Amino acid sequence: MLTIREAIIVEGRYDKIKLSGLVNAPIIETGGFRVFSDREKQSLIRQIAEKRGILVLTDSDGAGFVIRNFLRGVVPKEQMKHCYIPQIAGKERRKAKESKEGLLGVEGVTDEVILDAIRKSGAVIVGEEPLQRHEITKADLCLMGLSGGENAARRRQALLKKLDLPTYLSANAMLTALNCLYSKEELSEMLSECESD
């Protein structure tokens, strides 16, 4: 079990149940889209972020990204870290049918996927040395042909698809996700593989 300094923000109670067996940290539910109108929940999240920081862990579907982006307007950037799970097709066991986008949520992915994502997110894990990596910058995305140039959108989508990340991510959202998951060197290597495919 990982002990994490930050509080973890998840969408719902099944996500919370899943994480409670994996991490020793406060886990706060947004109640899905309810957080948009729940001023008390927003205030709680702000207070916790100020005291210990938060780690946002939402599903990799469109709804998860809407909630994640909303929280960016609630909590200052320096008090928030993002944890991304890959887009994995499938259906949670407790559900009768798959989600609208056909993707597993936090509750449906394996423990290993979640723990790996937390380690790569930059969360402070008590007793473990933080991962040292060269951060990817906007300039790097330009130099790699993923932003601001001819065919950048096509190259970005091909890379996102290869990495099992949402293909609708903007360049800025992709930058955040990439920095949570990969080093600059790993990204360069994966781009080479994409181009050789």
N, C-alpha and C. Protein backbone atom coordinates (compact mmCIF):
# COMPACT_ATOMS: atom_id res chain seq x y z
N MET A 1 0.85 -1.18 0.00
CA MET A 1 0.00 0.00 0.00
C MET A 1 0.89 1.24 0.00
N LEU A 2 0.55 2.18 -0.89
CA LEU A 2 1.31 3.43 -0.98
C LEU A 2 0.75 4.47 -0.02
N THR A 3 1.62 5.16 0.69
CA THR A 3 1.19 6.29 1.51
C THR A 3 1.54 7.55 0.74
N ILE A 4 0.52 8.36 0.48
CA ILE A 4 0.67 9.53 -0.38
C ILE A 4 0.37 10.79 0.43
N ARG A 5 1.20 11.81 0.23
CA ARG A 5 0.97 13.07 0.96
C ARG A 5 -0.30 13.77 0.49
N GLU A 6 -0.53 13.82 -0.82
CA GLU A 6 -1.68 14.53 -1.36
C GLU A 6 -2.97 13.77 -1.09
N ALA A 7 -4.08 14.50 -1.04
CA ALA A 7 -5.41 13.88 -1.03
C ALA A 7 -5.76 13.54 -2.48
N ILE A 8 -6.46 12.45 -2.68
CA ILE A 8 -6.81 12.02 -4.04
C ILE A 8 -8.27 12.38 -4.31
N ILE A 9 -8.51 13.01 -5.46
CA ILE A 9 -9.86 13.40 -5.87
C ILE A 9 -10.32 12.41 -6.94
N VAL A 10 -11.45 11.74 -6.69
CA VAL A 10 -12.01 10.79 -7.65
C VAL A 10 -13.45 11.18 -7.95
N GLU A 11 -14.03 10.53 -8.95
CA GLU A 11 -15.39 10.88 -9.36
C GLU A 11 -16.46 10.32 -8.43
N GLY A 12 -16.37 9.04 -8.06
CA GLY A 12 -17.47 8.43 -7.32
C GLY A 12 -17.03 7.41 -6.29
N ARG A 13 -18.03 6.81 -5.63
CA ARG A 13 -17.74 5.94 -4.50
C ARG A 13 -17.05 4.64 -4.90
N TYR A 14 -17.32 4.12 -6.10
CA TYR A 14 -16.64 2.87 -6.49
C TYR A 14 -15.16 3.12 -6.77
N ASP A 15 -14.85 4.30 -7.27
CA ASP A 15 -13.44 4.68 -7.43
C ASP A 15 -12.78 4.76 -6.06
N LYS A 16 -13.49 5.36 -5.12
CA LYS A 16 -12.96 5.50 -3.75
C LYS A 16 -12.73 4.14 -3.11
N ILE A 17 -13.67 3.23 -3.29
CA ILE A 17 -13.54 1.88 -2.74
C ILE A 17 -12.31 1.19 -3.34
N LYS A 18 -12.15 1.30 -4.65
CA LYS A 18 -11.01 0.68 -5.33
C LYS A 18 -9.69 1.23 -4.77
N LEU A 19 -9.59 2.55 -4.65
CA LEU A 19 -8.34 3.17 -4.20
C LEU A 19 -8.05 2.91 -2.73
N SER A 20 -9.09 2.78 -1.92
CA SER A 20 -8.87 2.61 -0.48
C SER A 20 -8.09 1.34 -0.16
N GLY A 21 -8.08 0.38 -1.04
CA GLY A 21 -7.29 -0.83 -0.85
C GLY A 21 -5.88 -0.71 -1.39
N LEU A 22 -5.57 0.41 -2.05
CA LEU A 22 -4.26 0.57 -2.69
C LEU A 22 -3.41 1.67 -2.08
N VAL A 23 -4.07 2.70 -1.54
CA VAL A 23 -3.32 3.86 -1.04
C VAL A 23 -3.77 4.26 0.35
N ASN A 24 -2.82 4.80 1.08
CA ASN A 24 -3.12 5.37 2.38
C ASN A 24 -3.07 6.89 2.18
N ALA A 25 -4.24 7.46 1.93
CA ALA A 25 -4.37 8.90 1.69
C ALA A 25 -5.85 9.24 1.77
N PRO A 26 -6.17 10.49 2.11
CA PRO A 26 -7.58 10.88 2.05
C PRO A 26 -8.08 10.78 0.61
N ILE A 27 -9.27 10.25 0.41
CA ILE A 27 -9.86 10.13 -0.92
C ILE A 27 -11.19 10.87 -0.90
N ILE A 28 -11.32 11.87 -1.77
CA ILE A 28 -12.50 12.72 -1.81
C ILE A 28 -13.25 12.45 -3.11
N GLU A 29 -14.55 12.22 -3.01
CA GLU A 29 -15.39 12.03 -4.20
C GLU A 29 -15.96 13.37 -4.66
N THR A 30 -16.01 13.57 -5.97
CA THR A 30 -16.65 14.77 -6.50
C THR A 30 -18.16 14.58 -6.62
N GLY A 31 -18.61 13.33 -6.64
CA GLY A 31 -20.02 13.07 -6.91
C GLY A 31 -20.30 13.29 -8.39
N GLY A 32 -19.30 13.05 -9.21
CA GLY A 32 -19.45 13.28 -10.65
C GLY A 32 -19.63 14.75 -10.93
N PHE A 33 -20.58 15.08 -11.80
CA PHE A 33 -20.82 16.48 -12.18
C PHE A 33 -21.44 17.29 -11.04
N ARG A 34 -21.87 16.64 -9.97
CA ARG A 34 -22.46 17.36 -8.83
C ARG A 34 -21.50 18.41 -8.28
N VAL A 35 -20.19 18.17 -8.42
CA VAL A 35 -19.20 19.11 -7.89
C VAL A 35 -19.34 20.50 -8.54
N PHE A 36 -19.92 20.57 -9.75
CA PHE A 36 -20.07 21.86 -10.44
C PHE A 36 -20.94 22.83 -9.65
N SER A 37 -21.95 22.31 -8.96
CA SER A 37 -22.87 23.19 -8.23
C SER A 37 -22.73 23.06 -6.71
N ASP A 38 -21.87 22.18 -6.24
CA ASP A 38 -21.71 21.95 -4.81
C ASP A 38 -20.60 22.84 -4.26
N ARG A 39 -20.98 24.04 -3.83
CA ARG A 39 -20.00 25.02 -3.32
C ARG A 39 -19.27 24.51 -2.08
N GLU A 40 -19.97 23.75 -1.25
CA GLU A 40 -19.32 23.21 -0.05
C GLU A 40 -18.22 22.22 -0.41
N LYS A 41 -18.49 21.37 -1.39
CA LYS A 41 -17.48 20.40 -1.83
C LYS A 41 -16.29 21.13 -2.46
N GLN A 42 -16.58 22.15 -3.26
CA GLN A 42 -15.51 22.95 -3.86
C GLN A 42 -14.64 23.60 -2.77
N SER A 43 -15.29 24.13 -1.74
CA SER A 43 -14.56 24.76 -0.64
C SER A 43 -13.69 23.74 0.08
N LEU A 44 -14.24 22.55 0.33
CA LEU A 44 -13.48 21.48 0.97
C LEU A 44 -12.25 21.12 0.15
N ILE A 45 -12.43 20.95 -1.15
CA ILE A 45 -11.31 20.59 -2.03
C ILE A 45 -10.25 21.69 -2.01
N ARG A 46 -10.68 22.95 -2.04
CA ARG A 46 -9.72 24.08 -1.98
C ARG A 46 -8.92 24.06 -0.67
N GLN A 47 -9.62 23.83 0.44
CA GLN A 47 -8.94 23.81 1.74
C GLN A 47 -7.94 22.67 1.84
N ILE A 48 -8.33 21.50 1.37
CA ILE A 48 -7.43 20.35 1.41
C ILE A 48 -6.23 20.60 0.49
N ALA A 49 -6.47 21.16 -0.69
CA ALA A 49 -5.39 21.46 -1.63
C ALA A 49 -4.39 22.41 -1.01
N GLU A 50 -4.88 23.39 -0.27
CA GLU A 50 -4.00 24.38 0.36
C GLU A 50 -3.13 23.74 1.44
N LYS A 51 -3.70 22.79 2.18
CA LYS A 51 -2.97 22.16 3.29
C LYS A 51 -2.00 21.07 2.85
N ARG A 52 -2.43 20.23 1.90
CA ARG A 52 -1.59 19.07 1.56
C ARG A 52 -1.46 18.80 0.06
N GLY A 53 -2.18 19.56 -0.77
CA GLY A 53 -2.16 19.31 -2.21
C GLY A 53 -3.16 18.24 -2.57
N ILE A 54 -3.56 18.21 -3.84
CA ILE A 54 -4.48 17.18 -4.31
C ILE A 54 -3.92 16.49 -5.54
N LEU A 55 -4.34 15.26 -5.72
CA LEU A 55 -4.00 14.46 -6.89
C LEU A 55 -5.31 14.09 -7.56
N VAL A 56 -5.54 14.60 -8.76
CA VAL A 56 -6.80 14.36 -9.46
C VAL A 56 -6.68 13.07 -10.27
N LEU A 57 -7.57 12.12 -9.99
CA LEU A 57 -7.58 10.82 -10.66
C LEU A 57 -9.00 10.55 -11.14
N THR A 58 -9.30 11.00 -12.36
CA THR A 58 -10.62 10.78 -12.94
C THR A 58 -10.51 9.76 -14.06
N ASP A 59 -11.67 9.30 -14.53
CA ASP A 59 -11.69 8.36 -15.65
C ASP A 59 -11.08 9.03 -16.89
N SER A 60 -10.68 8.22 -17.85
CA SER A 60 -10.04 8.76 -19.06
C SER A 60 -11.05 9.06 -20.16
N ASP A 61 -12.33 9.09 -19.81
CA ASP A 61 -13.35 9.42 -20.81
C ASP A 61 -13.61 10.94 -20.81
N GLY A 62 -14.49 11.37 -21.68
CA GLY A 62 -14.79 12.79 -21.80
C GLY A 62 -15.30 13.40 -20.51
N ALA A 63 -16.18 12.70 -19.79
CA ALA A 63 -16.72 13.21 -18.54
C ALA A 63 -15.62 13.42 -17.50
N GLY A 64 -14.69 12.49 -17.44
CA GLY A 64 -13.56 12.62 -16.51
C GLY A 64 -12.73 13.85 -16.79
N PHE A 65 -12.55 14.15 -18.07
CA PHE A 65 -11.76 15.34 -18.43
C PHE A 65 -12.53 16.62 -18.17
N VAL A 66 -13.84 16.60 -18.29
CA VAL A 66 -14.65 17.78 -17.96
C VAL A 66 -14.51 18.08 -16.46
N ILE A 67 -14.58 17.07 -15.62
CA ILE A 67 -14.44 17.25 -14.17
C ILE A 67 -13.03 17.73 -13.85
N ARG A 68 -12.03 17.11 -14.45
CA ARG A 68 -10.63 17.50 -14.23
C ARG A 68 -10.42 18.97 -14.59
N ASN A 69 -10.95 19.39 -15.74
CA ASN A 69 -10.79 20.78 -16.18
C ASN A 69 -11.54 21.75 -15.28
N PHE A 70 -12.70 21.34 -14.77
CA PHE A 70 -13.44 22.18 -13.84
C PHE A 70 -12.60 22.42 -12.58
N LEU A 71 -11.98 21.37 -12.07
CA LEU A 71 -11.17 21.49 -10.85
C LEU A 71 -9.98 22.43 -11.05
N ARG A 72 -9.50 22.54 -12.27
CA ARG A 72 -8.41 23.50 -12.55
C ARG A 72 -8.84 24.93 -12.26
N GLY A 73 -10.13 25.21 -12.36
CA GLY A 73 -10.64 26.53 -12.05
C GLY A 73 -10.95 26.72 -10.57
N VAL A 74 -10.94 25.63 -9.81
CA VAL A 74 -11.27 25.68 -8.39
C VAL A 74 -10.01 25.77 -7.53
N VAL A 75 -8.95 25.07 -7.96
CA VAL A 75 -7.73 24.94 -7.17
C VAL A 75 -6.56 25.55 -7.93
N PRO A 76 -5.70 26.32 -7.24
CA PRO A 76 -4.51 26.85 -7.90
C PRO A 76 -3.62 25.75 -8.46
N LYS A 77 -3.04 26.02 -9.59
CA LYS A 77 -2.23 25.04 -10.33
C LYS A 77 -1.13 24.41 -9.46
N GLU A 78 -0.48 25.22 -8.64
CA GLU A 78 0.65 24.71 -7.85
C GLU A 78 0.22 23.78 -6.72
N GLN A 79 -1.07 23.70 -6.44
CA GLN A 79 -1.57 22.81 -5.38
C GLN A 79 -2.19 21.53 -5.95
N MET A 80 -2.09 21.35 -7.25
CA MET A 80 -2.77 20.24 -7.92
C MET A 80 -1.80 19.44 -8.78
N LYS A 81 -1.93 18.12 -8.69
CA LYS A 81 -1.19 17.21 -9.58
C LYS A 81 -2.23 16.35 -10.28
N HIS A 82 -1.85 15.84 -11.45
CA HIS A 82 -2.78 15.05 -12.24
C HIS A 82 -2.25 13.64 -12.42
N CYS A 83 -3.14 12.69 -12.27
CA CYS A 83 -2.83 11.28 -12.46
C CYS A 83 -3.74 10.76 -13.57
N TYR A 84 -3.16 10.23 -14.61
CA TYR A 84 -3.93 9.77 -15.77
C TYR A 84 -3.85 8.26 -15.90
N ILE A 85 -5.01 7.64 -16.08
CA ILE A 85 -5.02 6.22 -16.43
C ILE A 85 -5.18 6.13 -17.95
N PRO A 86 -4.63 5.10 -18.55
CA PRO A 86 -4.76 4.99 -20.01
C PRO A 86 -6.19 4.65 -20.42
N GLN A 87 -6.50 4.92 -21.68
CA GLN A 87 -7.81 4.52 -22.21
C GLN A 87 -7.75 3.04 -22.53
N ILE A 88 -8.53 2.26 -21.80
CA ILE A 88 -8.57 0.82 -21.99
C ILE A 88 -10.02 0.43 -22.26
N ALA A 89 -10.25 -0.20 -23.39
CA ALA A 89 -11.62 -0.61 -23.74
C ALA A 89 -12.08 -1.71 -22.78
N GLY A 90 -13.36 -1.66 -22.44
CA GLY A 90 -13.90 -2.71 -21.59
C GLY A 90 -15.10 -2.23 -20.80
N LYS A 91 -15.57 -3.11 -19.90
CA LYS A 91 -16.76 -2.85 -19.08
C LYS A 91 -16.46 -3.27 -17.65
N GLU A 92 -16.86 -2.44 -16.69
CA GLU A 92 -16.69 -2.79 -15.29
C GLU A 92 -17.58 -3.97 -14.94
N ARG A 93 -17.13 -4.83 -14.05
CA ARG A 93 -17.88 -6.04 -13.68
C ARG A 93 -19.25 -5.74 -13.12
N ARG A 94 -19.38 -4.69 -12.34
CA ARG A 94 -20.66 -4.42 -11.68
C ARG A 94 -21.70 -3.84 -12.62
N LYS A 95 -21.31 -3.41 -13.80
CA LYS A 95 -22.23 -2.76 -14.73
C LYS A 95 -22.79 -3.76 -15.74
N ALA A 96 -24.03 -3.52 -16.14
CA ALA A 96 -24.68 -4.41 -17.12
C ALA A 96 -24.14 -4.19 -18.52
N LYS A 97 -23.77 -2.95 -18.85
CA LYS A 97 -23.20 -2.69 -20.17
C LYS A 97 -22.06 -1.70 -20.05
N GLU A 98 -21.28 -1.61 -21.11
CA GLU A 98 -20.12 -0.72 -21.07
C GLU A 98 -20.55 0.74 -21.08
N SER A 99 -19.61 1.61 -20.73
CA SER A 99 -19.90 3.03 -20.68
C SER A 99 -20.14 3.57 -22.09
N LYS A 100 -20.61 4.79 -22.16
CA LYS A 100 -20.92 5.43 -23.45
C LYS A 100 -19.73 5.37 -24.41
N GLU A 101 -18.52 5.60 -23.88
CA GLU A 101 -17.32 5.58 -24.71
C GLU A 101 -16.65 4.21 -24.76
N GLY A 102 -17.19 3.25 -24.01
CA GLY A 102 -16.65 1.88 -24.04
C GLY A 102 -15.31 1.73 -23.34
N LEU A 103 -15.02 2.60 -22.36
CA LEU A 103 -13.73 2.59 -21.68
C LEU A 103 -13.87 2.21 -20.21
N LEU A 104 -12.84 1.54 -19.69
CA LEU A 104 -12.81 1.26 -18.27
C LEU A 104 -12.52 2.54 -17.51
N GLY A 105 -13.17 2.70 -16.36
CA GLY A 105 -12.88 3.83 -15.50
C GLY A 105 -11.87 3.44 -14.45
N VAL A 106 -11.65 4.31 -13.48
CA VAL A 106 -10.71 4.04 -12.40
C VAL A 106 -11.05 2.72 -11.70
N GLU A 107 -12.33 2.49 -11.45
CA GLU A 107 -12.72 1.27 -10.75
C GLU A 107 -12.47 0.00 -11.55
N GLY A 108 -12.35 0.12 -12.88
CA GLY A 108 -12.24 -1.07 -13.72
C GLY A 108 -10.84 -1.48 -14.13
N VAL A 109 -9.87 -0.57 -14.01
CA VAL A 109 -8.51 -0.92 -14.41
C VAL A 109 -7.83 -1.70 -13.30
N THR A 110 -6.74 -2.35 -13.62
CA THR A 110 -6.04 -3.18 -12.64
C THR A 110 -5.35 -2.31 -11.60
N ASP A 111 -5.06 -2.92 -10.47
CA ASP A 111 -4.32 -2.24 -9.40
C ASP A 111 -2.97 -1.75 -9.91
N GLU A 112 -2.31 -2.57 -10.72
CA GLU A 112 -0.99 -2.21 -11.23
C GLU A 112 -1.05 -0.96 -12.09
N VAL A 113 -2.08 -0.82 -12.91
CA VAL A 113 -2.23 0.36 -13.76
C VAL A 113 -2.37 1.61 -12.89
N ILE A 114 -3.18 1.52 -11.84
CA ILE A 114 -3.38 2.67 -10.95
C ILE A 114 -2.09 3.02 -10.21
N LEU A 115 -1.44 2.03 -9.63
CA LEU A 115 -0.21 2.30 -8.88
C LEU A 115 0.88 2.88 -9.77
N ASP A 116 0.99 2.37 -10.99
CA ASP A 116 1.97 2.91 -11.95
C ASP A 116 1.64 4.36 -12.29
N ALA A 117 0.36 4.65 -12.52
CA ALA A 117 -0.05 6.01 -12.84
C ALA A 117 0.23 6.96 -11.69
N ILE A 118 -0.01 6.51 -10.46
CA ILE A 118 0.27 7.36 -9.29
C ILE A 118 1.76 7.64 -9.18
N ARG A 119 2.57 6.62 -9.38
CA ARG A 119 4.03 6.83 -9.30
C ARG A 119 4.50 7.82 -10.37
N LYS A 120 3.91 7.76 -11.54
CA LYS A 120 4.34 8.64 -12.64
C LYS A 120 3.76 10.06 -12.52
N SER A 121 2.79 10.25 -11.65
CA SER A 121 2.10 11.54 -11.55
C SER A 121 2.90 12.61 -10.85
N GLY A 122 3.93 12.21 -10.13
CA GLY A 122 4.67 13.19 -9.35
C GLY A 122 4.14 13.33 -7.93
N ALA A 123 3.18 12.48 -7.54
CA ALA A 123 2.67 12.51 -6.17
C ALA A 123 3.81 12.21 -5.21
N VAL A 124 3.74 12.78 -4.01
CA VAL A 124 4.75 12.51 -2.99
C VAL A 124 4.38 11.22 -2.29
N ILE A 125 5.19 10.19 -2.53
CA ILE A 125 4.96 8.88 -1.93
C ILE A 125 5.94 8.73 -0.77
N VAL A 126 5.39 8.59 0.43
CA VAL A 126 6.21 8.49 1.64
C VAL A 126 7.08 7.24 1.55
N GLY A 127 8.39 7.42 1.75
CA GLY A 127 9.32 6.30 1.75
C GLY A 127 9.90 5.97 0.38
N GLU A 128 9.49 6.68 -0.66
CA GLU A 128 10.04 6.44 -2.00
C GLU A 128 10.65 7.73 -2.53
N GLU A 129 11.74 7.59 -3.24
CA GLU A 129 12.36 8.73 -3.89
C GLU A 129 11.50 9.15 -5.07
N PRO A 130 11.29 10.44 -5.25
CA PRO A 130 10.51 10.87 -6.42
C PRO A 130 11.23 10.54 -7.71
N LEU A 131 10.44 10.25 -8.75
CA LEU A 131 11.03 9.98 -10.06
C LEU A 131 11.69 11.25 -10.58
N GLN A 132 12.92 11.11 -11.03
CA GLN A 132 13.63 12.25 -11.62
C GLN A 132 13.50 12.15 -13.13
N ARG A 133 12.94 13.17 -13.74
CA ARG A 133 12.77 13.13 -15.18
C ARG A 133 12.86 14.54 -15.74
N HIS A 134 13.23 14.63 -16.99
CA HIS A 134 13.28 15.92 -17.68
C HIS A 134 11.87 16.24 -18.15
N GLU A 135 11.35 17.37 -17.69
CA GLU A 135 9.98 17.75 -18.05
C GLU A 135 9.91 18.13 -19.53
N ILE A 136 8.81 17.74 -20.15
CA ILE A 136 8.55 18.08 -21.55
C ILE A 136 7.95 19.48 -21.57
N THR A 137 8.44 20.33 -22.46
CA THR A 137 7.97 21.71 -22.54
C THR A 137 7.17 21.93 -23.82
N LYS A 138 6.50 23.08 -23.91
CA LYS A 138 5.79 23.44 -25.14
C LYS A 138 6.77 23.54 -26.30
N ALA A 139 7.96 24.04 -26.02
CA ALA A 139 8.98 24.14 -27.07
C ALA A 139 9.35 22.75 -27.59
N ASP A 140 9.43 21.77 -26.68
CA ASP A 140 9.73 20.40 -27.09
C ASP A 140 8.65 19.87 -28.03
N LEU A 141 7.38 20.16 -27.71
CA LEU A 141 6.29 19.71 -28.57
C LEU A 141 6.42 20.30 -29.96
N CYS A 142 6.79 21.57 -30.03
CA CYS A 142 7.00 22.22 -31.34
C CYS A 142 8.15 21.56 -32.09
N LEU A 143 9.27 21.36 -31.41
CA LEU A 143 10.43 20.74 -32.04
C LEU A 143 10.16 19.31 -32.50
N MET A 144 9.27 18.63 -31.80
CA MET A 144 8.92 17.25 -32.15
C MET A 144 7.81 17.19 -33.19
N GLY A 145 7.31 18.36 -33.61
CA GLY A 145 6.27 18.40 -34.63
C GLY A 145 4.88 18.08 -34.11
N LEU A 146 4.66 18.24 -32.80
CA LEU A 146 3.37 17.92 -32.20
C LEU A 146 2.51 19.15 -31.93
N SER A 147 3.04 20.32 -32.21
CA SER A 147 2.31 21.55 -31.94
C SER A 147 2.82 22.65 -32.86
N GLY A 148 1.88 23.44 -33.36
CA GLY A 148 2.24 24.65 -34.09
C GLY A 148 2.76 24.49 -35.50
N GLY A 149 2.78 23.31 -36.02
CA GLY A 149 3.32 23.13 -37.37
C GLY A 149 2.38 22.35 -38.26
N GLU A 150 2.83 22.19 -39.50
CA GLU A 150 2.05 21.43 -40.46
C GLU A 150 1.95 19.98 -40.00
N ASN A 151 0.77 19.42 -40.06
CA ASN A 151 0.48 18.03 -39.66
C ASN A 151 0.64 17.77 -38.16
N ALA A 152 0.74 18.84 -37.34
CA ALA A 152 0.91 18.66 -35.90
C ALA A 152 -0.29 17.92 -35.30
N ALA A 153 -1.49 18.31 -35.70
CA ALA A 153 -2.69 17.67 -35.14
C ALA A 153 -2.73 16.18 -35.48
N ARG A 154 -2.38 15.85 -36.72
CA ARG A 154 -2.37 14.44 -37.14
C ARG A 154 -1.32 13.65 -36.36
N ARG A 155 -0.14 14.23 -36.20
CA ARG A 155 0.93 13.55 -35.45
C ARG A 155 0.54 13.39 -33.98
N ARG A 156 -0.10 14.42 -33.43
CA ARG A 156 -0.54 14.38 -32.04
C ARG A 156 -1.56 13.26 -31.84
N GLN A 157 -2.52 13.18 -32.76
CA GLN A 157 -3.54 12.13 -32.64
C GLN A 157 -2.94 10.73 -32.77
N ALA A 158 -2.00 10.56 -33.68
CA ALA A 158 -1.35 9.26 -33.84
C ALA A 158 -0.60 8.87 -32.57
N LEU A 159 0.10 9.83 -31.98
CA LEU A 159 0.83 9.55 -30.74
C LEU A 159 -0.14 9.22 -29.61
N LEU A 160 -1.19 10.02 -29.45
CA LEU A 160 -2.16 9.79 -28.38
C LEU A 160 -2.81 8.42 -28.52
N LYS A 161 -3.12 8.04 -29.75
CA LYS A 161 -3.72 6.72 -30.00
C LYS A 161 -2.75 5.62 -29.59
N LYS A 162 -1.49 5.76 -29.96
CA LYS A 162 -0.48 4.76 -29.62
C LYS A 162 -0.31 4.64 -28.10
N LEU A 163 -0.45 5.76 -27.39
CA LEU A 163 -0.27 5.77 -25.94
C LEU A 163 -1.54 5.45 -25.16
N ASP A 164 -2.63 5.14 -25.88
CA ASP A 164 -3.93 4.88 -25.25
C ASP A 164 -4.43 6.06 -24.42
N LEU A 165 -4.15 7.26 -24.90
CA LEU A 165 -4.66 8.48 -24.27
C LEU A 165 -5.77 9.04 -25.14
N PRO A 166 -6.68 9.84 -24.57
CA PRO A 166 -7.77 10.39 -25.38
C PRO A 166 -7.25 11.19 -26.57
N THR A 167 -7.74 10.88 -27.75
CA THR A 167 -7.25 11.54 -28.96
C THR A 167 -7.78 12.95 -29.11
N TYR A 168 -8.73 13.36 -28.27
CA TYR A 168 -9.28 14.71 -28.36
C TYR A 168 -8.52 15.72 -27.49
N LEU A 169 -7.43 15.31 -26.85
CA LEU A 169 -6.67 16.23 -26.00
C LEU A 169 -6.07 17.36 -26.83
N SER A 170 -6.16 18.57 -26.31
CA SER A 170 -5.48 19.71 -26.95
C SER A 170 -3.98 19.56 -26.70
N ALA A 171 -3.19 20.39 -27.34
CA ALA A 171 -1.74 20.33 -27.15
C ALA A 171 -1.39 20.58 -25.68
N ASN A 172 -2.07 21.55 -25.03
CA ASN A 172 -1.78 21.84 -23.63
C ASN A 172 -2.18 20.70 -22.71
N ALA A 173 -3.35 20.12 -22.93
CA ALA A 173 -3.79 19.00 -22.10
C ALA A 173 -2.89 17.79 -22.33
N MET A 174 -2.46 17.58 -23.57
CA MET A 174 -1.56 16.48 -23.87
C MET A 174 -0.23 16.69 -23.14
N LEU A 175 0.26 17.92 -23.11
CA LEU A 175 1.52 18.23 -22.43
C LEU A 175 1.44 17.84 -20.95
N THR A 176 0.34 18.19 -20.30
CA THR A 176 0.16 17.84 -18.90
C THR A 176 0.16 16.32 -18.73
N ALA A 177 -0.61 15.62 -19.56
CA ALA A 177 -0.69 14.16 -19.46
C ALA A 177 0.67 13.52 -19.72
N LEU A 178 1.37 13.98 -20.74
CA LEU A 178 2.68 13.40 -21.06
C LEU A 178 3.66 13.58 -19.91
N ASN A 179 3.66 14.76 -19.28
CA ASN A 179 4.57 14.99 -18.17
C ASN A 179 4.23 14.15 -16.95
N CYS A 180 2.99 13.71 -16.84
CA CYS A 180 2.61 12.80 -15.75
C CYS A 180 3.03 11.37 -16.04
N LEU A 181 3.19 11.04 -17.30
CA LEU A 181 3.40 9.64 -17.67
C LEU A 181 4.79 9.30 -18.21
N TYR A 182 5.45 10.26 -18.89
CA TYR A 182 6.68 9.94 -19.60
C TYR A 182 7.75 11.00 -19.41
N SER A 183 8.98 10.58 -19.60
CA SER A 183 10.09 11.53 -19.64
C SER A 183 10.24 12.03 -21.07
N LYS A 184 11.01 13.07 -21.25
CA LYS A 184 11.27 13.61 -22.58
C LYS A 184 11.93 12.55 -23.48
N GLU A 185 12.83 11.78 -22.89
CA GLU A 185 13.53 10.74 -23.65
C GLU A 185 12.56 9.64 -24.10
N GLU A 186 11.66 9.23 -23.19
CA GLU A 186 10.68 8.20 -23.54
C GLU A 186 9.76 8.69 -24.64
N LEU A 187 9.37 9.97 -24.58
CA LEU A 187 8.50 10.54 -25.60
C LEU A 187 9.20 10.52 -26.96
N SER A 188 10.45 10.93 -27.01
CA SER A 188 11.21 10.92 -28.27
C SER A 188 11.26 9.53 -28.87
N GLU A 189 11.49 8.55 -28.02
CA GLU A 189 11.57 7.15 -28.47
C GLU A 189 10.22 6.69 -29.05
N MET A 190 9.12 7.04 -28.36
CA MET A 190 7.80 6.63 -28.84
C MET A 190 7.44 7.33 -30.15
N LEU A 191 7.86 8.57 -30.30
CA LEU A 191 7.61 9.28 -31.56
C LEU A 191 8.32 8.60 -32.72
N SER A 192 9.54 8.15 -32.46
CA SER A 192 10.29 7.43 -33.49
C SER A 192 9.56 6.16 -33.88
N GLU A 193 9.02 5.45 -32.90
CA GLU A 193 8.27 4.23 -33.17
C GLU A 193 7.01 4.54 -33.97
N CYS A 194 6.32 5.64 -33.65
CA CYS A 194 5.10 6.03 -34.39
C CYS A 194 5.43 6.29 -35.85
N GLU A 195 6.53 6.96 -36.09
CA GLU A 195 6.90 7.32 -37.46
C GLU A 195 7.35 6.12 -38.27
N SER A 196 7.87 5.09 -37.58
CA SER A 196 8.32 3.91 -38.31
C SER A 196 7.18 2.93 -38.58
N ASP A 197 6.03 3.12 -37.88
CA ASP A 197 4.86 2.24 -38.10
C ASP A 197 4.21 2.49 -39.42
